[in-house]
Amino acid sequence: MKILVEKLDSFGYGFFIPIFFIMVGVDLNIPSLIKEPSLLLIIPFLIIAFLISKLIPVFYIRRWFDMKTTIFICLLTHIYVIIGYCIC
């Protein structure tokens, strides 16, 4: 049973999650963002919230790792998400 769960898990990450990001990218209506400048003001706040949400676990991880490793882990989480968005 555990092997089946692992195979389904890898299939989900390899197939369904990329399809989700592709569909989100296809549904994004860029002209409506340009027409409504107030929506563009929300983007910096979303980016800051994204960074803070990634930094909170880093302070928890600092208990077990040194500062250099902790910063590296934080950067890796950001790079992983950025690459995922760029691919889609």
C-alpha atoms as a PDB file:
ATOM      1  CA  MET A   1       0.000   0.000   0.000  1.00  0.00           C
ATOM      2  CA  LYS A   2       2.844   2.386   0.850  1.00  0.00           C
ATOM      3  CA  ILE A   3       4.433   1.866  -2.581  1.00  0.00           C
ATOM      4  CA  LEU A   4       1.121   2.669  -4.279  1.00  0.00           C
ATOM      5  CA  VAL A   5       0.769   5.863  -2.254  1.00  0.00           C
ATOM      6  CA  GLU A   6       4.315   6.923  -3.189  1.00  0.00           C
ATOM      7  CA  LYS A   7       3.670   6.256  -6.887  1.00  0.00           C
ATOM      8  CA  LEU A   8       0.390   8.173  -6.834  1.00  0.00           C
ATOM      9  CA  ASP A   9       2.074  10.993  -4.961  1.00  0.00           C
ATOM     10  CA  SER A  10       4.837  11.305  -7.544  1.00  0.00           C
ATOM     11  CA  PHE A  11       2.274  11.091 -10.355  1.00  0.00           C
ATOM     12  CA  GLY A  12       0.262  13.885  -8.763  1.00  0.00           C
ATOM     13  CA  TYR A  13       3.296  16.124  -8.401  1.00  0.00           C
ATOM     14  CA  GLY A  14       4.538  15.342 -11.892  1.00  0.00           C
ATOM     15  CA  PHE A  15       1.229  15.592 -13.740  1.00  0.00           C
ATOM     16  CA  PHE A  16      -1.603  17.315 -11.895  1.00  0.00           C
ATOM     17  CA  ILE A  17       0.289  20.164 -10.240  1.00  0.00           C
ATOM     18  CA  PRO A  18       1.877  21.414 -13.497  1.00  0.00           C
ATOM     19  CA  ILE A  19      -1.562  21.272 -15.133  1.00  0.00           C
ATOM     20  CA  PHE A  20      -2.951  23.357 -12.270  1.00  0.00           C
ATOM     21  CA  PHE A  21      -0.317  26.061 -12.759  1.00  0.00           C
ATOM     22  CA  ILE A  22      -0.822  26.039 -16.527  1.00  0.00           C
ATOM     23  CA  MET A  23      -4.576  26.485 -16.104  1.00  0.00           C
ATOM     24  CA  VAL A  24      -4.064  29.331 -13.636  1.00  0.00           C
ATOM     25  CA  GLY A  25      -1.702  31.026 -16.078  1.00  0.00           C
ATOM     26  CA  VAL A  26      -4.150  30.581 -18.955  1.00  0.00           C
ATOM     27  CA  ASP A  27      -6.988  32.108 -16.926  1.00  0.00           C
ATOM     28  CA  LEU A  28      -4.958  35.177 -15.956  1.00  0.00           C
ATOM     29  CA  ASN A  29      -6.435  38.209 -17.688  1.00  0.00           C
ATOM     30  CA  ILE A  30      -3.530  40.635 -18.088  1.00  0.00           C
ATOM     31  CA  PRO A  31      -5.494  43.376 -19.946  1.00  0.00           C
ATOM     32  CA  SER A  32      -7.865  43.678 -16.992  1.00  0.00           C
ATOM     33  CA  LEU A  33      -4.868  44.201 -14.688  1.00  0.00           C
ATOM     34  CA  ILE A  34      -3.586  46.980 -16.909  1.00  0.00           C
ATOM     35  CA  LYS A  35      -7.006  48.667 -17.129  1.00  0.00           C
ATOM     36  CA  GLU A  36      -7.423  48.740 -13.353  1.00  0.00           C
ATOM     37  CA  PRO A  37      -4.327  50.376 -11.815  1.00  0.00           C
ATOM     38  CA  SER A  38      -5.567  49.855  -8.274  1.00  0.00           C
ATOM     39  CA  LEU A  39      -5.019  46.124  -8.756  1.00  0.00           C
ATOM     40  CA  LEU A  40      -1.366  46.782  -9.540  1.00  0.00           C
ATOM     41  CA  LEU A  41      -0.982  48.344  -6.092  1.00  0.00           C
ATOM     42  CA  ILE A  42      -1.914  45.039  -4.482  1.00  0.00           C
ATOM     43  CA  ILE A  43       0.988  43.173  -6.111  1.00  0.00           C
ATOM     44  CA  PRO A  44       3.769  44.576  -3.857  1.00  0.00           C
ATOM     45  CA  PHE A  45       1.735  43.692  -0.772  1.00  0.00           C
ATOM     46  CA  LEU A  46       1.234  40.149  -2.050  1.00  0.00           C
ATOM     47  CA  ILE A  47       4.963  39.794  -2.697  1.00  0.00           C
ATOM     48  CA  ILE A  48       5.776  41.033   0.817  1.00  0.00           C
ATOM     49  CA  ALA A  49       3.227  38.628   2.314  1.00  0.00           C
ATOM     50  CA  PHE A  50       4.763  35.813   0.269  1.00  0.00           C
ATOM     51  CA  LEU A  51       8.255  36.614   1.566  1.00  0.00           C
ATOM     52  CA  ILE A  52       7.077  36.860   5.176  1.00  0.00           C
ATOM     53  CA  SER A  53       5.258  33.535   4.910  1.00  0.00           C
ATOM     54  CA  LYS A  54       8.516  31.935   3.793  1.00  0.00           C
ATOM     55  CA  LEU A  55      10.597  33.635   6.491  1.00  0.00           C
ATOM     56  CA  ILE A  56       8.491  32.524   9.460  1.00  0.00           C
ATOM     57  CA  PRO A  57       9.557  28.840   9.210  1.00  0.00           C
ATOM     58  CA  VAL A  58      13.177  29.944   8.824  1.00  0.00           C
ATOM     59  CA  PHE A  59      13.178  31.374  12.350  1.00  0.00           C
ATOM     60  CA  TYR A  60      11.946  28.006  13.581  1.00  0.00           C
ATOM     61  CA  ILE A  61      14.666  26.142  11.640  1.00  0.00           C
ATOM     62  CA  ARG A  62      17.389  28.330  13.191  1.00  0.00           C
ATOM     63  CA  ARG A  63      17.200  26.196  16.326  1.00  0.00           C
ATOM     64  CA  TRP A  64      18.925  23.287  14.574  1.00  0.00           C
ATOM     65  CA  PHE A  65      21.059  24.917  11.878  1.00  0.00           C
ATOM     66  CA  ASP A  66      23.562  27.727  11.703  1.00  0.00           C
ATOM     67  CA  MET A  67      22.680  31.059  10.093  1.00  0.00           C
ATOM     68  CA  LYS A  68      24.378  30.271   6.763  1.00  0.00           C
ATOM     69  CA  THR A  69      22.406  27.042   6.308  1.00  0.00           C
ATOM     70  CA  THR A  70      19.193  28.745   7.390  1.00  0.00           C
ATOM     71  CA  ILE A  71      19.589  31.513   4.808  1.00  0.00           C
ATOM     72  CA  PHE A  72      20.374  28.899   2.163  1.00  0.00           C
ATOM     73  CA  ILE A  73      17.186  26.986   3.018  1.00  0.00           C
ATOM     74  CA  CYS A  74      15.156  30.196   2.821  1.00  0.00           C
ATOM     75  CA  LEU A  75      16.620  31.047  -0.594  1.00  0.00           C
ATOM     76  CA  LEU A  76      15.937  27.538  -1.866  1.00  0.00           C
ATOM     77  CA  THR A  77      12.266  27.781  -0.948  1.00  0.00           C
ATOM     78  CA  HIS A  78      11.978  31.044  -2.875  1.00  0.00           C
ATOM     79  CA  ILE A  79      13.864  29.725  -5.903  1.00  0.00           C
ATOM     80  CA  TYR A  80      11.694  26.602  -6.036  1.00  0.00           C
ATOM     81  CA  VAL A  81       8.495  28.652  -6.146  1.00  0.00           C
ATOM     82  CA  ILE A  82       9.863  31.192  -8.639  1.00  0.00           C
ATOM     83  CA  ILE A  83      11.008  28.464 -11.032  1.00  0.00           C
ATOM     84  CA  GLY A  84       7.622  26.784 -10.734  1.00  0.00           C
ATOM     85  CA  TYR A  85       5.844  29.987 -11.698  1.00  0.00           C
ATOM     86  CA  CYS A  86       8.252  30.718 -14.557  1.00  0.00           C
ATOM     87  CA  ILE A  87       7.837  27.268 -16.074  1.00  0.00           C
ATOM     88  CA  CYS A  88       4.069  27.568 -16.088  1.00  0.00           C
END
